[in-house]
Amino acid sequence: MATPIMAGFAVAAAAYAGRLSIQAWQAFKTRPPKLRKFYEGGFQSTMTKREAALILGVRESVALDKVKEAHRRVMVANHPDAGGSHYLASKINEAKDMLLGKTKNGGSAF
C-alpha cells in the first residue's frame, strides 16, 4: 500500500523539480548579458581630461599610442559613414585631441 503512494510522491517531486528548472532556464535566458561598463551621461560644456579618458575608455595618464589605439577602436564603432552620429564622432575626436594635448580651449563643432 505504501509503495504506490511513495511512487506518486516521487513522480510529483520530479515534475515539480522539472518545472522549477524550466523556470530557472527561462530566467537565465532573459537576463541581460554582462557587458563592460561604459561612460553614461551627457557631455560637459568644456571637455576635461577625465571626461576624455572616459569617452575613449582609457586612463587619464596613458601612453600616446594607447590613446590612438583607443580612438581608432571607438571611432570604428561610431563613425558617421557606418551609421554613427556626427556629434559623437566630433566628441570622440575632441577626446583624442584633449588626451594628446592638441586642444586650444575649443570645443566640438556642435
PDB file of N, CA and C in Angstrom:
ATOM      1  N   MET A   1       0.812  -1.193   0.000  1.00  0.00           N
ATOM      2  CA  MET A   1       0.000   0.000   0.000  1.00  0.00           C
ATOM      3  C   MET A   1       0.862   1.267   0.000  1.00  0.00           C
ATOM      4  N   ALA A   2       1.964   1.280   0.727  1.00  0.00           N
ATOM      5  CA  ALA A   2       2.817   2.451   0.821  1.00  0.00           C
ATOM      6  C   ALA A   2       3.619   2.677  -0.453  1.00  0.00           C
ATOM      7  N   THR A   3       3.892   1.628  -1.201  1.00  0.00           N
ATOM      8  CA  THR A   3       4.706   1.749  -2.399  1.00  0.00           C
ATOM      9  C   THR A   3       4.042   2.617  -3.470  1.00  0.00           C
ATOM     10  N   PRO A   4       2.747   2.465  -3.799  1.00  0.00           N
ATOM     11  CA  PRO A   4       2.135   3.346  -4.787  1.00  0.00           C
ATOM     12  C   PRO A   4       2.103   4.814  -4.342  1.00  0.00           C
ATOM     13  N   ILE A   5       1.937   5.035  -3.047  1.00  0.00           N
ATOM     14  CA  ILE A   5       1.926   6.410  -2.536  1.00  0.00           C
ATOM     15  C   ILE A   5       3.318   7.024  -2.677  1.00  0.00           C
ATOM     16  N   MET A   6       4.348   6.250  -2.332  1.00  0.00           N
ATOM     17  CA  MET A   6       5.724   6.737  -2.468  1.00  0.00           C
ATOM     18  C   MET A   6       6.071   6.992  -3.935  1.00  0.00           C
ATOM     19  N   ALA A   7       5.596   6.143  -4.816  1.00  0.00           N
ATOM     20  CA  ALA A   7       5.846   6.348  -6.244  1.00  0.00           C
ATOM     21  C   ALA A   7       5.150   7.614  -6.725  1.00  0.00           C
ATOM     22  N   GLY A   8       3.959   7.884  -6.235  1.00  0.00           N
ATOM     23  CA  GLY A   8       3.237   9.099  -6.594  1.00  0.00           C
ATOM     24  C   GLY A   8       3.965  10.350  -6.120  1.00  0.00           C
ATOM     25  N   PHE A   9       4.474  10.292  -4.885  1.00  0.00           N
ATOM     26  CA  PHE A   9       5.251  11.421  -4.377  1.00  0.00           C
ATOM     27  C   PHE A   9       6.525  11.634  -5.193  1.00  0.00           C
ATOM     28  N   ALA A  10       7.166  10.558  -5.604  1.00  0.00           N
ATOM     29  CA  ALA A  10       8.391  10.668  -6.400  1.00  0.00           C
ATOM     30  C   ALA A  10       8.100  11.299  -7.758  1.00  0.00           C
ATOM     31  N   VAL A  11       7.003  10.900  -8.384  1.00  0.00           N
ATOM     32  CA  VAL A  11       6.622  11.485  -9.673  1.00  0.00           C
ATOM     33  C   VAL A  11       6.282  12.959  -9.509  1.00  0.00           C
ATOM     34  N   ALA A  12       5.541  13.294  -8.448  1.00  0.00           N
ATOM     35  CA  ALA A  12       5.178  14.690  -8.203  1.00  0.00           C
ATOM     36  C   ALA A  12       6.425  15.534  -7.934  1.00  0.00           C
ATOM     37  N   ALA A  13       7.365  15.008  -7.163  1.00  0.00           N
ATOM     38  CA  ALA A  13       8.605  15.743  -6.871  1.00  0.00           C
ATOM     39  C   ALA A  13       9.425  15.945  -8.136  1.00  0.00           C
ATOM     40  N   ALA A  14       9.484  14.930  -8.993  1.00  0.00           N
ATOM     41  CA  ALA A  14      10.233  15.062 -10.247  1.00  0.00           C
ATOM     42  C   ALA A  14       9.581  16.098 -11.160  1.00  0.00           C
ATOM     43  N   ALA A  15       8.258  16.107 -11.204  1.00  0.00           N
ATOM     44  CA  ALA A  15       7.558  17.097 -12.027  1.00  0.00           C
ATOM     45  C   ALA A  15       7.786  18.504 -11.498  1.00  0.00           C
ATOM     46  N   TYR A  16       7.744  18.655 -10.181  1.00  0.00           N
ATOM     47  CA  TYR A  16       7.960  19.971  -9.576  1.00  0.00           C
ATOM     48  C   TYR A  16       9.396  20.449  -9.824  1.00  0.00           C
ATOM     49  N   ALA A  17      10.364  19.558  -9.690  1.00  0.00           N
ATOM     50  CA  ALA A  17      11.764  19.916  -9.940  1.00  0.00           C
ATOM     51  C   ALA A  17      11.965  20.278 -11.408  1.00  0.00           C
ATOM     52  N   GLY A  18      11.304  19.560 -12.303  1.00  0.00           N
ATOM     53  CA  GLY A  18      11.387  19.894 -13.724  1.00  0.00           C
ATOM     54  C   GLY A  18      10.803  21.263 -14.019  1.00  0.00           C
ATOM     55  N   ARG A  19       9.683  21.563 -13.386  1.00  0.00           N
ATOM     56  CA  ARG A  19       9.050  22.883 -13.585  1.00  0.00           C
ATOM     57  C   ARG A  19       9.967  23.997 -13.091  1.00  0.00           C
ATOM     58  N   LEU A  20      10.557  23.802 -11.918  1.00  0.00           N
ATOM     59  CA  LEU A  20      11.472  24.822 -11.385  1.00  0.00           C
ATOM     60  C   LEU A  20      12.699  25.000 -12.273  1.00  0.00           C
ATOM     61  N   SER A  21      13.213  23.905 -12.802  1.00  0.00           N
ATOM     62  CA  SER A  21      14.393  24.025 -13.663  1.00  0.00           C
ATOM     63  C   SER A  21      14.046  24.728 -14.972  1.00  0.00           C
ATOM     64  N   ILE A  22      12.856  24.505 -15.514  1.00  0.00           N
ATOM     65  CA  ILE A  22      12.436  25.208 -16.732  1.00  0.00           C
ATOM     66  C   ILE A  22      12.294  26.698 -16.446  1.00  0.00           C
ATOM     67  N   GLN A  23      11.720  27.057 -15.298  1.00  0.00           N
ATOM     68  CA  GLN A  23      11.588  28.467 -14.938  1.00  0.00           C
ATOM     69  C   GLN A  23      12.959  29.109 -14.746  1.00  0.00           C
ATOM     70  N   ALA A  24      13.884  28.392 -14.122  1.00  0.00           N
ATOM     71  CA  ALA A  24      15.235  28.925 -13.928  1.00  0.00           C
ATOM     72  C   ALA A  24      15.931  29.119 -15.268  1.00  0.00           C
ATOM     73  N   TRP A  25      15.747  28.186 -16.202  1.00  0.00           N
ATOM     74  CA  TRP A  25      16.362  28.314 -17.519  1.00  0.00           C
ATOM     75  C   TRP A  25      15.800  29.515 -18.271  1.00  0.00           C
ATOM     76  N   GLN A  26      14.484  29.728 -18.198  1.00  0.00           N
ATOM     77  CA  GLN A  26      13.866  30.878 -18.861  1.00  0.00           C
ATOM     78  C   GLN A  26      14.392  32.191 -18.267  1.00  0.00           C
ATOM     79  N   ALA A  27      14.540  32.247 -16.953  1.00  0.00           N
ATOM     80  CA  ALA A  27      15.080  33.443 -16.307  1.00  0.00           C
ATOM     81  C   ALA A  27      16.531  33.666 -16.715  1.00  0.00           C
ATOM     82  N   PHE A  28      17.294  32.604 -16.848  1.00  0.00           N
ATOM     83  CA  PHE A  28      18.688  32.713 -17.255  1.00  0.00           C
ATOM     84  C   PHE A  28      18.800  33.233 -18.685  1.00  0.00           C
ATOM     85  N   LYS A  29      17.932  32.754 -19.576  1.00  0.00           N
ATOM     86  CA  LYS A  29      17.987  33.182 -20.976  1.00  0.00           C
ATOM     87  C   LYS A  29      17.589  34.643 -21.143  1.00  0.00           C
ATOM     88  N   THR A  30      16.696  35.160 -20.318  1.00  0.00           N
ATOM     89  CA  THR A  30      16.209  36.523 -20.492  1.00  0.00           C
ATOM     90  C   THR A  30      17.029  37.564 -19.737  1.00  0.00           C
ATOM     91  N   ARG A  31      17.983  37.142 -18.917  1.00  0.00           N
ATOM     92  CA  ARG A  31      18.781  38.131 -18.183  1.00  0.00           C
ATOM     93  C   ARG A  31      19.690  38.873 -19.149  1.00  0.00           C
ATOM     94  N   PRO A  32      19.966  40.133 -18.865  1.00  0.00           N
ATOM     95  CA  PRO A  32      20.843  40.897 -19.761  1.00  0.00           C
ATOM     96  C   PRO A  32      22.281  40.384 -19.666  1.00  0.00           C
ATOM     97  N   PRO A  33      23.002  40.428 -20.776  1.00  0.00           N
ATOM     98  CA  PRO A  33      24.390  39.968 -20.738  1.00  0.00           C
ATOM     99  C   PRO A  33      25.249  40.916 -19.911  1.00  0.00           C
ATOM    100  N   LYS A  34      26.286  40.369 -19.313  1.00  0.00           N
ATOM    101  CA  LYS A  34      27.192  41.173 -18.508  1.00  0.00           C
ATOM    102  C   LYS A  34      28.173  41.857 -19.443  1.00  0.00           C
ATOM    103  N   LEU A  35      27.973  43.138 -19.658  1.00  0.00           N
ATOM    104  CA  LEU A  35      28.814  43.894 -20.579  1.00  0.00           C
ATOM    105  C   LEU A  35      29.734  44.823 -19.813  1.00  0.00           C
ATOM    106  N   ARG A  36      30.749  45.276 -20.488  1.00  0.00           N
ATOM    107  CA  ARG A  36      31.662  46.235 -19.909  1.00  0.00           C
ATOM    108  C   ARG A  36      30.930  47.545 -19.679  1.00  0.00           C
ATOM    109  N   LYS A  37      31.195  48.169 -18.565  1.00  0.00           N
ATOM    110  CA  LYS A  37      30.532  49.418 -18.206  1.00  0.00           C
ATOM    111  C   LYS A  37      31.184  50.571 -18.962  1.00  0.00           C
ATOM    112  N   PHE A  38      30.387  51.294 -19.722  1.00  0.00           N
ATOM    113  CA  PHE A  38      30.887  52.430 -20.472  1.00  0.00           C
ATOM    114  C   PHE A  38      30.379  53.735 -19.873  1.00  0.00           C
ATOM    115  N   TYR A  39      30.886  54.812 -20.369  1.00  0.00           N
ATOM    116  CA  TYR A  39      30.538  56.140 -19.882  1.00  0.00           C
ATOM    117  C   TYR A  39      29.058  56.410 -20.095  1.00  0.00           C
ATOM    118  N   GLU A  40      28.396  56.798 -19.033  1.00  0.00           N
ATOM    119  CA  GLU A  40      26.985  57.134 -19.126  1.00  0.00           C
ATOM    120  C   GLU A  40      26.816  58.617 -18.844  1.00  0.00           C
ATOM    121  N   GLY A  41      25.856  59.204 -19.487  1.00  0.00           N
ATOM    122  CA  GLY A  41      25.544  60.593 -19.189  1.00  0.00           C
ATOM    123  C   GLY A  41      25.923  61.519 -20.312  1.00  0.00           C
ATOM    124  N   GLY A  42      25.515  62.749 -20.166  1.00  0.00           N
ATOM    125  CA  GLY A  42      25.778  63.758 -21.172  1.00  0.00           C
ATOM    126  C   GLY A  42      27.197  64.272 -21.103  1.00  0.00           C
ATOM    127  N   PHE A  43      27.495  65.154 -22.026  1.00  0.00           N
ATOM    128  CA  PHE A  43      28.834  65.720 -22.088  1.00  0.00           C
ATOM    129  C   PHE A  43      28.871  67.045 -21.334  1.00  0.00           C
ATOM    130  N   GLN A  44      30.036  67.369 -20.800  1.00  0.00           N
ATOM    131  CA  GLN A  44      30.222  68.653 -20.128  1.00  0.00           C
ATOM    132  C   GLN A  44      30.426  69.731 -21.180  1.00  0.00           C
ATOM    133  N   SER A  45      30.196  70.986 -20.792  1.00  0.00           N
ATOM    134  CA  SER A  45      30.329  72.072 -21.767  1.00  0.00           C
ATOM    135  C   SER A  45      31.770  72.219 -22.243  1.00  0.00           C
ATOM    136  N   THR A  46      32.739  72.075 -21.346  1.00  0.00           N
ATOM    137  CA  THR A  46      34.151  72.085 -21.701  1.00  0.00           C
ATOM    138  C   THR A  46      34.731  70.734 -21.316  1.00  0.00           C
ATOM    139  N   MET A  47      35.315  70.046 -22.280  1.00  0.00           N
ATOM    140  CA  MET A  47      35.811  68.705 -22.017  1.00  0.00           C
ATOM    141  C   MET A  47      37.027  68.739 -21.110  1.00  0.00           C
ATOM    142  N   THR A  48      37.022  67.847 -20.136  1.00  0.00           N
ATOM    143  CA  THR A  48      38.153  67.702 -19.229  1.00  0.00           C
ATOM    144  C   THR A  48      38.923  66.438 -19.608  1.00  0.00           C
ATOM    145  N   LYS A  49      40.106  66.289 -19.018  1.00  0.00           N
ATOM    146  CA  LYS A  49      40.891  65.081 -19.285  1.00  0.00           C
ATOM    147  C   LYS A  49      40.169  63.847 -18.769  1.00  0.00           C
ATOM    148  N   ARG A  50      39.478  63.997 -17.663  1.00  0.00           N
ATOM    149  CA  ARG A  50      38.736  62.870 -17.097  1.00  0.00           C
ATOM    150  C   ARG A  50      37.629  62.424 -18.045  1.00  0.00           C
ATOM    151  N   GLU A  51      36.875  63.381 -18.561  1.00  0.00           N
ATOM    152  CA  GLU A  51      35.801  63.040 -19.488  1.00  0.00           C
ATOM    153  C   GLU A  51      36.357  62.432 -20.774  1.00  0.00           C
ATOM    154  N   ALA A  52      37.467  62.975 -21.270  1.00  0.00           N
ATOM    155  CA  ALA A  52      38.084  62.438 -22.481  1.00  0.00           C
ATOM    156  C   ALA A  52      38.528  60.997 -22.267  1.00  0.00           C
ATOM    157  N   ALA A  53      39.104  60.722 -21.102  1.00  0.00           N
ATOM    158  CA  ALA A  53      39.534  59.360 -20.796  1.00  0.00           C
ATOM    159  C   ALA A  53      38.333  58.419 -20.686  1.00  0.00           C
ATOM    160  N   LEU A  54      37.242  58.894 -20.122  1.00  0.00           N
ATOM    161  CA  LEU A  54      36.039  58.066 -20.016  1.00  0.00           C
ATOM    162  C   LEU A  54      35.451  57.768 -21.388  1.00  0.00           C
ATOM    163  N   ILE A  55      35.456  58.737 -22.267  1.00  0.00           N
ATOM    164  CA  ILE A  55      34.905  58.537 -23.612  1.00  0.00           C
ATOM    165  C   ILE A  55      35.701  57.484 -24.370  1.00  0.00           C
ATOM    166  N   LEU A  56      37.027  57.560 -24.275  1.00  0.00           N
ATOM    167  CA  LEU A  56      37.872  56.618 -25.009  1.00  0.00           C
ATOM    168  C   LEU A  56      38.101  55.307 -24.268  1.00  0.00           C
ATOM    169  N   GLY A  57      37.721  55.265 -22.999  1.00  0.00           N
ATOM    170  CA  GLY A  57      37.871  54.025 -22.242  1.00  0.00           C
ATOM    171  C   GLY A  57      39.298  53.746 -21.822  1.00  0.00           C
ATOM    172  N   VAL A  58      40.064  54.806 -21.547  1.00  0.00           N
ATOM    173  CA  VAL A  58      41.450  54.648 -21.098  1.00  0.00           C
ATOM    174  C   VAL A  58      41.627  55.444 -19.807  1.00  0.00           C
ATOM    175  N   ARG A  59      42.815  55.320 -19.220  1.00  0.00           N
ATOM    176  CA  ARG A  59      43.131  56.120 -18.034  1.00  0.00           C
ATOM    177  C   ARG A  59      43.592  57.506 -18.460  1.00  0.00           C
ATOM    178  N   GLU A  60      43.545  58.434 -17.519  1.00  0.00           N
ATOM    179  CA  GLU A  60      43.946  59.808 -17.841  1.00  0.00           C
ATOM    180  C   GLU A  60      45.429  59.899 -18.179  1.00  0.00           C
ATOM    181  N   SER A  61      46.250  59.110 -17.518  1.00  0.00           N
ATOM    182  CA  SER A  61      47.692  59.135 -17.777  1.00  0.00           C
ATOM    183  C   SER A  61      48.069  57.865 -18.533  1.00  0.00           C
ATOM    184  N   VAL A  62      47.843  57.875 -19.834  1.00  0.00           N
ATOM    185  CA  VAL A  62      48.097  56.702 -20.660  1.00  0.00           C
ATOM    186  C   VAL A  62      49.050  57.110 -21.777  1.00  0.00           C
ATOM    187  N   ALA A  63      49.768  56.145 -22.304  1.00  0.00           N
ATOM    188  CA  ALA A  63      50.723  56.418 -23.379  1.00  0.00           C
ATOM    189  C   ALA A  63      49.990  56.886 -24.637  1.00  0.00           C
ATOM    190  N   LEU A  64      50.684  57.675 -25.443  1.00  0.00           N
ATOM    191  CA  LEU A  64      50.067  58.258 -26.641  1.00  0.00           C
ATOM    192  C   LEU A  64      49.607  57.189 -27.631  1.00  0.00           C
ATOM    193  N   ASP A  65      50.361  56.109 -27.760  1.00  0.00           N
ATOM    194  CA  ASP A  65      49.954  55.062 -28.697  1.00  0.00           C
ATOM    195  C   ASP A  65      48.674  54.359 -28.229  1.00  0.00           C
ATOM    196  N   LYS A  66      48.480  54.263 -26.915  1.00  0.00           N
ATOM    197  CA  LYS A  66      47.242  53.669 -26.394  1.00  0.00           C
ATOM    198  C   LYS A  66      46.051  54.585 -26.652  1.00  0.00           C
ATOM    199  N   VAL A  67      46.273  55.897 -26.600  1.00  0.00           N
ATOM    200  CA  VAL A  67      45.201  56.848 -26.901  1.00  0.00           C
ATOM    201  C   VAL A  67      44.790  56.711 -28.361  1.00  0.00           C
ATOM    202  N   LYS A  68      45.773  56.627 -29.244  1.00  0.00           N
ATOM    203  CA  LYS A  68      45.471  56.495 -30.669  1.00  0.00           C
ATOM    204  C   LYS A  68      44.757  55.180 -30.961  1.00  0.00           C
ATOM    205  N   GLU A  69      45.190  54.109 -30.296  1.00  0.00           N
ATOM    206  CA  GLU A  69      44.551  52.803 -30.485  1.00  0.00           C
ATOM    207  C   GLU A  69      43.097  52.819 -29.983  1.00  0.00           C
ATOM    208  N   ALA A  70      42.882  53.432 -28.814  1.00  0.00           N
ATOM    209  CA  ALA A  70      41.531  53.512 -28.265  1.00  0.00           C
ATOM    210  C   ALA A  70      40.651  54.397 -29.142  1.00  0.00           C
ATOM    211  N   HIS A  71      41.209  55.489 -29.663  1.00  0.00           N
ATOM    212  CA  HIS A  71      40.452  56.376 -30.548  1.00  0.00           C
ATOM    213  C   HIS A  71      40.008  55.626 -31.789  1.00  0.00           C
ATOM    214  N   ARG A  72      40.901  54.871 -32.359  1.00  0.00           N
ATOM    215  CA  ARG A  72      40.561  54.114 -33.565  1.00  0.00           C
ATOM    216  C   ARG A  72      39.452  53.101 -33.281  1.00  0.00           C
ATOM    217  N   ARG A  73      39.568  52.392 -32.167  1.00  0.00           N
ATOM    218  CA  ARG A  73      38.577  51.376 -31.811  1.00  0.00           C
ATOM    219  C   ARG A  73      37.197  52.003 -31.607  1.00  0.00           C
ATOM    220  N   VAL A  74      37.141  53.113 -30.885  1.00  0.00           N
ATOM    221  CA  VAL A  74      35.854  53.769 -30.610  1.00  0.00           C
ATOM    222  C   VAL A  74      35.305  54.426 -31.876  1.00  0.00           C
ATOM    223  N   MET A  75      36.177  54.990 -32.680  1.00  0.00           N
ATOM    224  CA  MET A  75      35.723  55.670 -33.896  1.00  0.00           C
ATOM    225  C   MET A  75      35.192  54.679 -34.926  1.00  0.00           C
ATOM    226  N   VAL A  76      35.807  53.508 -35.035  1.00  0.00           N
ATOM    227  CA  VAL A  76      35.308  52.494 -35.959  1.00  0.00           C
ATOM    228  C   VAL A  76      33.877  52.112 -35.585  1.00  0.00           C
ATOM    229  N   ALA A  77      33.602  52.030 -34.297  1.00  0.00           N
ATOM    230  CA  ALA A  77      32.262  51.644 -33.839  1.00  0.00           C
ATOM    231  C   ALA A  77      31.245  52.764 -34.003  1.00  0.00           C
ATOM    232  N   ASN A  78      31.690  54.022 -34.068  1.00  0.00           N
ATOM    233  CA  ASN A  78      30.760  55.153 -34.082  1.00  0.00           C
ATOM    234  C   ASN A  78      30.954  56.092 -35.264  1.00  0.00           C
ATOM    235  N   HIS A  79      31.589  55.658 -36.319  1.00  0.00           N
ATOM    236  CA  HIS A  79      31.864  56.546 -37.451  1.00  0.00           C
ATOM    237  C   HIS A  79      30.573  56.898 -38.192  1.00  0.00           C
ATOM    238  N   PRO A  80      30.422  58.150 -38.613  1.00  0.00           N
ATOM    239  CA  PRO A  80      29.203  58.555 -39.331  1.00  0.00           C
ATOM    240  C   PRO A  80      28.963  57.780 -40.627  1.00  0.00           C
ATOM    241  N   ASP A  81      30.023  57.375 -41.306  1.00  0.00           N
ATOM    242  CA  ASP A  81      29.850  56.601 -42.538  1.00  0.00           C
ATOM    243  C   ASP A  81      29.306  55.200 -42.270  1.00  0.00           C
ATOM    244  N   ALA A  82      29.436  54.742 -41.038  1.00  0.00           N
ATOM    245  CA  ALA A  82      28.950  53.408 -40.671  1.00  0.00           C
ATOM    246  C   ALA A  82      27.656  53.495 -39.866  1.00  0.00           C
ATOM    247  N   GLY A  83      26.968  54.627 -39.947  1.00  0.00           N
ATOM    248  CA  GLY A  83      25.694  54.774 -39.248  1.00  0.00           C
ATOM    249  C   GLY A  83      25.803  55.462 -37.908  1.00  0.00           C
ATOM    250  N   GLY A  84      26.986  55.949 -37.557  1.00  0.00           N
ATOM    251  CA  GLY A  84      27.170  56.645 -36.286  1.00  0.00           C
ATOM    252  C   GLY A  84      26.761  58.102 -36.377  1.00  0.00           C
ATOM    253  N   SER A  85      26.888  58.795 -35.286  1.00  0.00           N
ATOM    254  CA  SER A  85      26.481  60.187 -35.179  1.00  0.00           C
ATOM    255  C   SER A  85      27.663  61.125 -35.456  1.00  0.00           C
ATOM    256  N   HIS A  86      27.400  62.212 -36.177  1.00  0.00           N
ATOM    257  CA  HIS A  86      28.441  63.221 -36.410  1.00  0.00           C
ATOM    258  C   HIS A  86      28.847  63.876 -35.095  1.00  0.00           C
ATOM    259  N   TYR A  87      27.865  64.116 -34.244  1.00  0.00           N
ATOM    260  CA  TYR A  87      28.133  64.744 -32.950  1.00  0.00           C
ATOM    261  C   TYR A  87      29.039  63.858 -32.099  1.00  0.00           C
ATOM    262  N   LEU A  88      28.706  62.585 -32.041  1.00  0.00           N
ATOM    263  CA  LEU A  88      29.504  61.658 -31.250  1.00  0.00           C
ATOM    264  C   LEU A  88      30.913  61.521 -31.821  1.00  0.00           C
ATOM    265  N   ALA A  89      31.032  61.495 -33.127  1.00  0.00           N
ATOM    266  CA  ALA A  89      32.350  61.416 -33.757  1.00  0.00           C
ATOM    267  C   ALA A  89      33.187  62.653 -33.413  1.00  0.00           C
ATOM    268  N   SER A  90      32.551  63.827 -33.392  1.00  0.00           N
ATOM    269  CA  SER A  90      33.293  65.044 -33.044  1.00  0.00           C
ATOM    270  C   SER A  90      33.745  65.013 -31.586  1.00  0.00           C
ATOM    271  N   LYS A  91      32.917  64.455 -30.708  1.00  0.00           N
ATOM    272  CA  LYS A  91      33.300  64.346 -29.302  1.00  0.00           C
ATOM    273  C   LYS A  91      34.432  63.333 -29.122  1.00  0.00           C
ATOM    274  N   ILE A  92      34.419  62.259 -29.880  1.00  0.00           N
ATOM    275  CA  ILE A  92      35.490  61.267 -29.819  1.00  0.00           C
ATOM    276  C   ILE A  92      36.800  61.888 -30.291  1.00  0.00           C
ATOM    277  N   ASN A  93      36.735  62.653 -31.374  1.00  0.00           N
ATOM    278  CA  ASN A  93      37.931  63.346 -31.872  1.00  0.00           C
ATOM    279  C   ASN A  93      38.422  64.377 -30.858  1.00  0.00           C
ATOM    280  N   GLU A  94      37.493  65.088 -30.247  1.00  0.00           N
ATOM    281  CA  GLU A  94      37.862  66.076 -29.236  1.00  0.00           C
ATOM    282  C   GLU A  94      38.535  65.397 -28.045  1.00  0.00           C
ATOM    283  N   ALA A  95      38.034  64.219 -27.658  1.00  0.00           N
ATOM    284  CA  ALA A  95      38.638  63.479 -26.545  1.00  0.00           C
ATOM    285  C   ALA A  95      40.063  63.058 -26.886  1.00  0.00           C
ATOM    286  N   LYS A  96      40.274  62.597 -28.119  1.00  0.00           N
ATOM    287  CA  LYS A  96      41.628  62.212 -28.549  1.00  0.00           C
ATOM    288  C   LYS A  96      42.551  63.420 -28.506  1.00  0.00           C
ATOM    289  N   ASP A  97      42.084  64.538 -29.048  1.00  0.00           N
ATOM    290  CA  ASP A  97      42.909  65.746 -29.047  1.00  0.00           C
ATOM    291  C   ASP A  97      43.229  66.209 -27.627  1.00  0.00           C
ATOM    292  N   MET A  98      42.275  66.085 -26.740  1.00  0.00           N
ATOM    293  CA  MET A  98      42.484  66.506 -25.349  1.00  0.00           C
ATOM    294  C   MET A  98      43.579  65.658 -24.705  1.00  0.00           C
ATOM    295  N   LEU A  99      43.510  64.347 -24.906  1.00  0.00           N
ATOM    296  CA  LEU A  99      44.497  63.473 -24.275  1.00  0.00           C
ATOM    297  C   LEU A  99      45.864  63.557 -24.946  1.00  0.00           C
ATOM    298  N   LEU A 100      45.895  63.929 -26.213  1.00  0.00           N
ATOM    299  CA  LEU A 100      47.175  64.097 -26.895  1.00  0.00           C
ATOM    300  C   LEU A 100      47.751  65.500 -26.684  1.00  0.00           C
ATOM    301  N   GLY A 101      46.975  66.378 -26.060  1.00  0.00           N
ATOM    302  CA  GLY A 101      47.437  67.733 -25.783  1.00  0.00           C
ATOM    303  C   GLY A 101      47.344  68.657 -26.978  1.00  0.00           C
ATOM    304  N   LYS A 102      46.401  68.433 -27.879  1.00  0.00           N
ATOM    305  CA  LYS A 102      46.295  69.245 -29.090  1.00  0.00           C
ATOM    306  C   LYS A 102      45.156  70.245 -29.036  1.00  0.00           C
ATOM    307  N   THR A 103      44.479  70.375 -27.914  1.00  0.00           N
ATOM    308  CA  THR A 103      43.330  71.286 -27.868  1.00  0.00           C
ATOM    309  C   THR A 103      43.755  72.674 -27.466  1.00  0.00           C
ATOM    310  N   LYS A 104      42.969  73.662 -27.934  1.00  0.00           N
ATOM    311  CA  LYS A 104      43.211  75.059 -27.579  1.00  0.00           C
ATOM    312  C   LYS A 104      41.930  75.673 -27.076  1.00  0.00           C
ATOM    313  N   ASN A 105      41.452  75.252 -25.945  1.00  0.00           N
ATOM    314  CA  ASN A 105      40.289  75.892 -25.356  1.00  0.00           C
ATOM    315  C   ASN A 105      39.040  75.781 -26.215  1.00  0.00           C
ATOM    316  N   GLY A 106      39.107  75.043 -27.305  1.00  0.00           N
ATOM    317  CA  GLY A 106      37.968  74.929 -28.204  1.00  0.00           C
ATOM    318  C   GLY A 106      37.013  73.860 -27.727  1.00  0.00           C
ATOM    319  N   GLY A 107      36.111  73.551 -28.592  1.00  0.00           N
ATOM    320  CA  GLY A 107      35.155  72.519 -28.280  1.00  0.00           C
ATOM    321  C   GLY A 107      34.805  71.783 -29.542  1.00  0.00           C
ATOM    322  N   SER A 108      33.743  71.042 -29.467  1.00  0.00           N
ATOM    323  CA  SER A 108      33.310  70.334 -30.670  1.00  0.00           C
ATOM    324  C   SER A 108      32.664  71.316 -31.618  1.00  0.00           C
ATOM    325  N   ALA A 109      32.444  70.861 -32.837  1.00  0.00           N
ATOM    326  CA  ALA A 109      31.833  71.718 -33.844  1.00  0.00           C
ATOM    327  C   ALA A 109      30.353  71.945 -33.565  1.00  0.00           C
ATOM    328  N   PHE A 110      29.799  71.202 -32.614  1.00  0.00           N
ATOM    329  CA  PHE A 110      28.369  71.300 -32.335  1.00  0.00           C
ATOM    330  C   PHE A 110      28.100  72.055 -31.099  1.00  0.00           C
TER     331      PHE A 110
END
